[in-house]
N, C-alpha and C. Protein backbone atom coordinates (compact mmCIF):
# COMPACT_ATOMS: atom_id res chain seq x y z
N MET A 1 0.84 -1.18 0.00
CA MET A 1 0.00 0.00 0.00
C MET A 1 0.88 1.25 0.00
N GLU A 2 0.70 2.09 -0.99
CA GLU A 2 1.49 3.33 -1.08
C GLU A 2 0.77 4.45 -0.34
N MET A 3 1.55 5.26 0.37
CA MET A 3 0.98 6.33 1.18
C MET A 3 1.93 7.51 1.26
N ASN A 4 1.36 8.73 1.22
CA ASN A 4 2.17 9.92 1.42
C ASN A 4 2.35 10.14 2.92
N VAL A 5 3.57 9.97 3.39
CA VAL A 5 3.90 10.21 4.79
C VAL A 5 3.90 11.72 5.04
N TYR A 6 4.38 12.46 4.03
CA TYR A 6 4.48 13.91 4.12
C TYR A 6 4.24 14.47 2.74
N SER A 7 3.53 15.59 2.67
CA SER A 7 3.40 16.32 1.41
C SER A 7 3.24 17.80 1.73
N GLN A 8 3.86 18.63 0.88
CA GLN A 8 3.74 20.08 1.04
C GLN A 8 4.13 20.75 -0.27
N TYR A 9 3.43 21.85 -0.56
CA TYR A 9 3.71 22.66 -1.74
C TYR A 9 4.62 23.83 -1.36
N PHE A 10 5.57 24.15 -2.25
CA PHE A 10 6.49 25.27 -2.06
C PHE A 10 6.62 26.05 -3.36
N GLU A 11 7.05 27.30 -3.24
CA GLU A 11 7.46 28.02 -4.44
C GLU A 11 8.72 27.33 -4.97
N ALA A 12 8.95 27.47 -6.27
CA ALA A 12 10.10 26.82 -6.90
C ALA A 12 10.50 27.58 -8.15
N GLN A 13 11.67 27.27 -8.65
CA GLN A 13 12.15 27.83 -9.91
C GLN A 13 12.68 26.68 -10.77
N ALA A 14 12.10 26.56 -11.96
CA ALA A 14 12.53 25.53 -12.90
C ALA A 14 11.87 25.75 -14.24
N THR A 15 12.42 25.14 -15.27
CA THR A 15 11.80 25.12 -16.59
C THR A 15 11.93 23.71 -17.13
N PHE A 16 10.79 23.13 -17.52
CA PHE A 16 10.77 21.80 -18.11
C PHE A 16 9.88 21.84 -19.34
N ASN A 17 10.35 21.23 -20.40
CA ASN A 17 9.59 21.16 -21.65
C ASN A 17 9.12 22.54 -22.11
N GLY A 18 9.98 23.55 -21.90
CA GLY A 18 9.69 24.90 -22.33
C GLY A 18 8.67 25.64 -21.47
N VAL A 19 8.26 25.07 -20.34
CA VAL A 19 7.26 25.68 -19.47
C VAL A 19 7.92 26.05 -18.13
N GLU A 20 7.77 27.32 -17.75
CA GLU A 20 8.32 27.76 -16.47
C GLU A 20 7.49 27.17 -15.34
N ARG A 21 8.20 26.64 -14.33
CA ARG A 21 7.54 26.05 -13.16
C ARG A 21 7.85 26.91 -11.95
N ARG A 22 6.81 27.33 -11.25
CA ARG A 22 6.97 28.21 -10.09
C ARG A 22 6.53 27.55 -8.79
N GLY A 23 6.12 26.29 -8.87
CA GLY A 23 5.68 25.55 -7.69
C GLY A 23 6.25 24.15 -7.70
N ALA A 24 6.33 23.57 -6.49
CA ALA A 24 6.80 22.20 -6.35
C ALA A 24 6.00 21.50 -5.26
N LEU A 25 5.62 20.28 -5.53
CA LEU A 25 5.01 19.42 -4.54
C LEU A 25 6.09 18.47 -4.06
N VAL A 26 6.39 18.53 -2.76
CA VAL A 26 7.43 17.69 -2.16
C VAL A 26 6.74 16.58 -1.37
N LEU A 27 7.24 15.35 -1.55
CA LEU A 27 6.61 14.18 -0.93
C LEU A 27 7.63 13.25 -0.29
N LEU A 28 7.22 12.62 0.81
CA LEU A 28 7.90 11.45 1.33
C LEU A 28 6.85 10.34 1.24
N ILE A 29 7.15 9.32 0.46
CA ILE A 29 6.18 8.27 0.14
C ILE A 29 6.65 6.95 0.75
N SER A 30 5.73 6.26 1.42
CA SER A 30 6.05 4.91 1.90
C SER A 30 5.24 3.92 1.07
N ASP A 31 5.81 2.73 0.90
CA ASP A 31 5.13 1.68 0.17
C ASP A 31 5.41 0.36 0.89
N SER A 32 4.36 -0.25 1.38
CA SER A 32 4.52 -1.53 2.07
C SER A 32 3.77 -2.61 1.30
N GLU A 33 4.47 -3.70 1.08
CA GLU A 33 3.87 -4.80 0.32
C GLU A 33 4.64 -6.07 0.63
N ALA A 34 3.90 -7.14 0.91
CA ALA A 34 4.48 -8.47 1.11
C ALA A 34 5.61 -8.47 2.14
N GLY A 35 5.42 -7.76 3.25
CA GLY A 35 6.41 -7.76 4.31
C GLY A 35 7.63 -6.89 4.07
N ARG A 36 7.57 -6.02 3.06
CA ARG A 36 8.67 -5.09 2.76
C ARG A 36 8.17 -3.66 2.89
N ILE A 37 9.07 -2.76 3.23
CA ILE A 37 8.75 -1.34 3.29
C ILE A 37 9.78 -0.58 2.49
N SER A 38 9.33 0.37 1.71
CA SER A 38 10.26 1.24 0.99
C SER A 38 9.80 2.68 1.18
N TYR A 39 10.75 3.59 1.08
CA TYR A 39 10.46 5.02 1.17
C TYR A 39 11.11 5.71 -0.01
N LYS A 40 10.39 6.72 -0.55
CA LYS A 40 10.91 7.52 -1.66
C LYS A 40 10.77 9.00 -1.32
N ALA A 41 11.79 9.76 -1.70
CA ALA A 41 11.70 11.22 -1.70
C ALA A 41 11.28 11.59 -3.11
N ALA A 42 10.28 12.46 -3.24
CA ALA A 42 9.77 12.80 -4.57
C ALA A 42 9.44 14.29 -4.65
N VAL A 43 9.56 14.82 -5.87
CA VAL A 43 9.20 16.22 -6.11
C VAL A 43 8.60 16.33 -7.51
N SER A 44 7.55 17.12 -7.61
CA SER A 44 6.92 17.41 -8.89
C SER A 44 6.85 18.92 -9.06
N PHE A 45 7.47 19.42 -10.12
CA PHE A 45 7.46 20.86 -10.40
C PHE A 45 6.27 21.17 -11.31
N PHE A 46 5.53 22.23 -10.98
CA PHE A 46 4.33 22.57 -11.74
C PHE A 46 4.27 24.08 -11.98
N PRO A 47 3.48 24.54 -12.96
CA PRO A 47 3.50 25.94 -13.37
C PRO A 47 3.14 26.95 -12.28
N HIS A 48 2.12 26.71 -11.48
CA HIS A 48 1.66 27.63 -10.43
C HIS A 48 1.58 29.06 -10.98
N ARG A 49 0.70 29.23 -11.94
CA ARG A 49 0.54 30.52 -12.64
C ARG A 49 -0.15 31.59 -11.81
N ASP A 50 -0.94 31.17 -10.82
CA ASP A 50 -1.61 32.11 -9.92
C ASP A 50 -1.79 31.42 -8.57
N PRO A 51 -2.20 32.17 -7.54
CA PRO A 51 -2.30 31.58 -6.20
C PRO A 51 -3.26 30.39 -6.07
N GLU A 52 -4.15 30.21 -7.04
CA GLU A 52 -5.10 29.10 -7.01
C GLU A 52 -4.67 27.92 -7.87
N ASP A 53 -3.57 28.06 -8.60
CA ASP A 53 -3.12 27.03 -9.55
C ASP A 53 -2.25 26.00 -8.84
N PHE A 54 -2.85 24.86 -8.50
CA PHE A 54 -2.12 23.75 -7.90
C PHE A 54 -2.21 22.51 -8.77
N SER A 55 -2.43 22.71 -10.05
CA SER A 55 -2.53 21.56 -10.96
C SER A 55 -1.13 21.00 -11.22
N VAL A 56 -0.87 19.89 -10.57
CA VAL A 56 0.46 19.27 -10.64
C VAL A 56 0.60 18.57 -11.98
N SER A 57 1.69 18.85 -12.66
CA SER A 57 1.98 18.20 -13.94
C SER A 57 3.04 17.12 -13.69
N PHE A 58 2.86 15.99 -14.32
CA PHE A 58 3.75 14.87 -14.04
C PHE A 58 4.86 14.72 -15.08
N ASP A 59 5.05 15.73 -15.93
CA ASP A 59 6.17 15.68 -16.86
C ASP A 59 7.45 16.16 -16.18
N ALA A 60 7.35 16.67 -14.97
CA ALA A 60 8.52 17.14 -14.22
C ALA A 60 8.49 16.52 -12.83
N TYR A 61 8.27 15.19 -12.78
CA TYR A 61 8.20 14.44 -11.53
C TYR A 61 9.47 13.61 -11.40
N PHE A 62 10.09 13.69 -10.22
CA PHE A 62 11.32 12.96 -9.98
C PHE A 62 11.26 12.33 -8.59
N GLU A 63 11.80 11.13 -8.48
CA GLU A 63 11.82 10.46 -7.19
C GLU A 63 13.10 9.67 -7.02
N LYS A 64 13.40 9.40 -5.74
CA LYS A 64 14.59 8.62 -5.40
C LYS A 64 14.22 7.70 -4.24
N GLU A 65 14.47 6.43 -4.42
CA GLU A 65 14.23 5.50 -3.32
C GLU A 65 15.32 5.70 -2.28
N ILE A 66 14.91 5.91 -1.04
CA ILE A 66 15.90 6.16 0.03
C ILE A 66 15.97 5.02 1.03
N PHE A 67 15.04 4.06 0.93
CA PHE A 67 15.07 2.92 1.84
C PHE A 67 14.22 1.81 1.25
N ASN A 68 14.71 0.55 1.40
CA ASN A 68 13.95 -0.61 0.96
C ASN A 68 14.48 -1.80 1.74
N ALA A 69 13.62 -2.41 2.57
CA ALA A 69 14.05 -3.52 3.40
C ALA A 69 12.83 -4.29 3.90
N PRO A 70 13.05 -5.49 4.42
CA PRO A 70 11.95 -6.20 5.06
C PRO A 70 11.48 -5.41 6.29
N GLY A 71 10.19 -5.46 6.57
CA GLY A 71 9.68 -4.78 7.75
C GLY A 71 8.40 -4.02 7.46
N ARG A 72 8.13 -3.06 8.35
CA ARG A 72 6.94 -2.24 8.21
C ARG A 72 7.27 -0.80 8.59
N ARG A 73 6.25 0.06 8.52
CA ARG A 73 6.46 1.48 8.83
C ARG A 73 6.95 1.65 10.25
N SER A 74 7.80 2.69 10.43
CA SER A 74 8.34 2.99 11.74
C SER A 74 8.35 4.51 11.92
N LYS A 75 7.72 5.00 12.98
CA LYS A 75 7.69 6.44 13.26
C LYS A 75 9.11 6.98 13.43
N LYS A 76 9.97 6.23 14.08
CA LYS A 76 11.36 6.66 14.30
C LYS A 76 12.09 6.79 12.96
N ARG A 77 11.94 5.80 12.10
CA ARG A 77 12.58 5.84 10.77
C ARG A 77 12.03 7.00 9.95
N GLU A 78 10.72 7.19 9.98
CA GLU A 78 10.11 8.28 9.22
C GLU A 78 10.58 9.64 9.71
N ALA A 79 10.76 9.79 11.01
CA ALA A 79 11.27 11.06 11.56
C ALA A 79 12.67 11.34 11.02
N ALA A 80 13.49 10.31 10.92
CA ALA A 80 14.85 10.47 10.37
C ALA A 80 14.79 10.85 8.90
N PHE A 81 13.89 10.21 8.14
CA PHE A 81 13.76 10.54 6.72
C PHE A 81 13.26 11.96 6.53
N LEU A 82 12.36 12.40 7.38
CA LEU A 82 11.87 13.78 7.30
C LEU A 82 12.99 14.78 7.57
N GLN A 83 13.91 14.44 8.47
CA GLN A 83 15.04 15.31 8.76
C GLN A 83 15.95 15.48 7.54
N SER A 84 16.07 14.44 6.73
CA SER A 84 16.97 14.50 5.57
C SER A 84 16.24 14.78 4.26
N LEU A 85 14.91 14.96 4.31
CA LEU A 85 14.13 15.13 3.08
C LEU A 85 14.56 16.34 2.26
N ARG A 86 14.77 17.47 2.91
CA ARG A 86 15.17 18.67 2.16
C ARG A 86 16.47 18.44 1.40
N SER A 87 17.42 17.81 2.05
CA SER A 87 18.70 17.53 1.40
C SER A 87 18.50 16.61 0.19
N GLU A 88 17.69 15.58 0.36
CA GLU A 88 17.41 14.66 -0.75
C GLU A 88 16.75 15.39 -1.91
N ILE A 89 15.76 16.22 -1.61
CA ILE A 89 15.04 16.96 -2.65
C ILE A 89 15.96 17.98 -3.32
N ASP A 90 16.80 18.66 -2.54
CA ASP A 90 17.76 19.61 -3.13
C ASP A 90 18.68 18.92 -4.12
N THR A 91 19.12 17.71 -3.79
CA THR A 91 19.99 16.95 -4.70
C THR A 91 19.25 16.59 -5.98
N ILE A 92 18.03 16.09 -5.83
CA ILE A 92 17.22 15.75 -7.00
C ILE A 92 16.98 16.98 -7.87
N ALA A 93 16.59 18.09 -7.24
CA ALA A 93 16.31 19.33 -7.99
C ALA A 93 17.55 19.82 -8.72
N ALA A 94 18.69 19.83 -8.05
CA ALA A 94 19.92 20.32 -8.66
C ALA A 94 20.30 19.50 -9.89
N GLU A 95 20.01 18.21 -9.87
CA GLU A 95 20.28 17.35 -11.02
C GLU A 95 19.47 17.75 -12.24
N HIS A 96 18.41 18.52 -12.03
CA HIS A 96 17.52 18.93 -13.12
C HIS A 96 17.46 20.45 -13.27
N ASP A 97 18.50 21.14 -12.78
CA ASP A 97 18.57 22.61 -12.85
C ASP A 97 17.32 23.27 -12.30
N ALA A 98 16.86 22.78 -11.17
CA ALA A 98 15.65 23.31 -10.53
C ALA A 98 15.97 23.63 -9.07
N ARG A 99 15.04 24.35 -8.43
CA ARG A 99 15.25 24.71 -7.03
C ARG A 99 13.91 24.84 -6.33
N VAL A 100 13.83 24.26 -5.13
CA VAL A 100 12.65 24.42 -4.26
C VAL A 100 12.97 25.54 -3.29
N ASP A 101 12.05 26.49 -3.15
CA ASP A 101 12.24 27.62 -2.23
C ASP A 101 11.59 27.25 -0.89
N TRP A 102 12.37 26.63 -0.03
CA TRP A 102 11.89 26.13 1.26
C TRP A 102 11.34 27.23 2.15
N GLY A 103 11.80 28.46 1.97
CA GLY A 103 11.35 29.58 2.79
C GLY A 103 9.97 30.10 2.42
N HIS A 104 9.40 29.58 1.33
CA HIS A 104 8.09 30.06 0.87
C HIS A 104 7.14 28.88 0.61
N PRO A 105 6.62 28.29 1.68
CA PRO A 105 5.62 27.24 1.50
C PRO A 105 4.32 27.81 0.96
N LEU A 106 3.60 27.04 0.16
CA LEU A 106 2.33 27.46 -0.40
C LEU A 106 1.14 26.90 0.37
N ASN A 107 1.42 26.00 1.31
CA ASN A 107 0.37 25.44 2.17
C ASN A 107 1.02 24.85 3.41
N GLU A 108 0.20 24.39 4.32
CA GLU A 108 0.70 23.70 5.51
C GLU A 108 1.07 22.27 5.13
N ALA A 109 2.05 21.72 5.82
CA ALA A 109 2.46 20.34 5.57
C ALA A 109 1.33 19.39 5.95
N ARG A 110 1.21 18.33 5.17
CA ARG A 110 0.23 17.27 5.47
C ARG A 110 1.02 16.02 5.83
N MET A 111 0.68 15.45 6.97
CA MET A 111 1.33 14.23 7.44
C MET A 111 0.32 13.09 7.35
N GLY A 112 0.78 11.95 6.82
CA GLY A 112 -0.15 10.83 6.65
C GLY A 112 0.08 9.70 7.59
């Protein structure tokens, strides 16, 4: 079962497929199946043309698996992943000439 442990929108700077992206959806995703648990850091850059535009486009979606092992969800493990999430997302964004503006969230964080 896949689940968003954390999700939050931020201002961002990027251009993909000729379209300027001014927003980013940042996610920590858990996936448990058949006695295994995995976690991914993910980011999707979207146009955010006005304050009401949260239509996420998936042509600029990137993820990185940060954990995969036998077991189940752990609050302690998730807290550690949340501590390193910004660093993981910054690395992913830099690989694509993009940037998440952590100082300008567009909504409150959602924890799952």
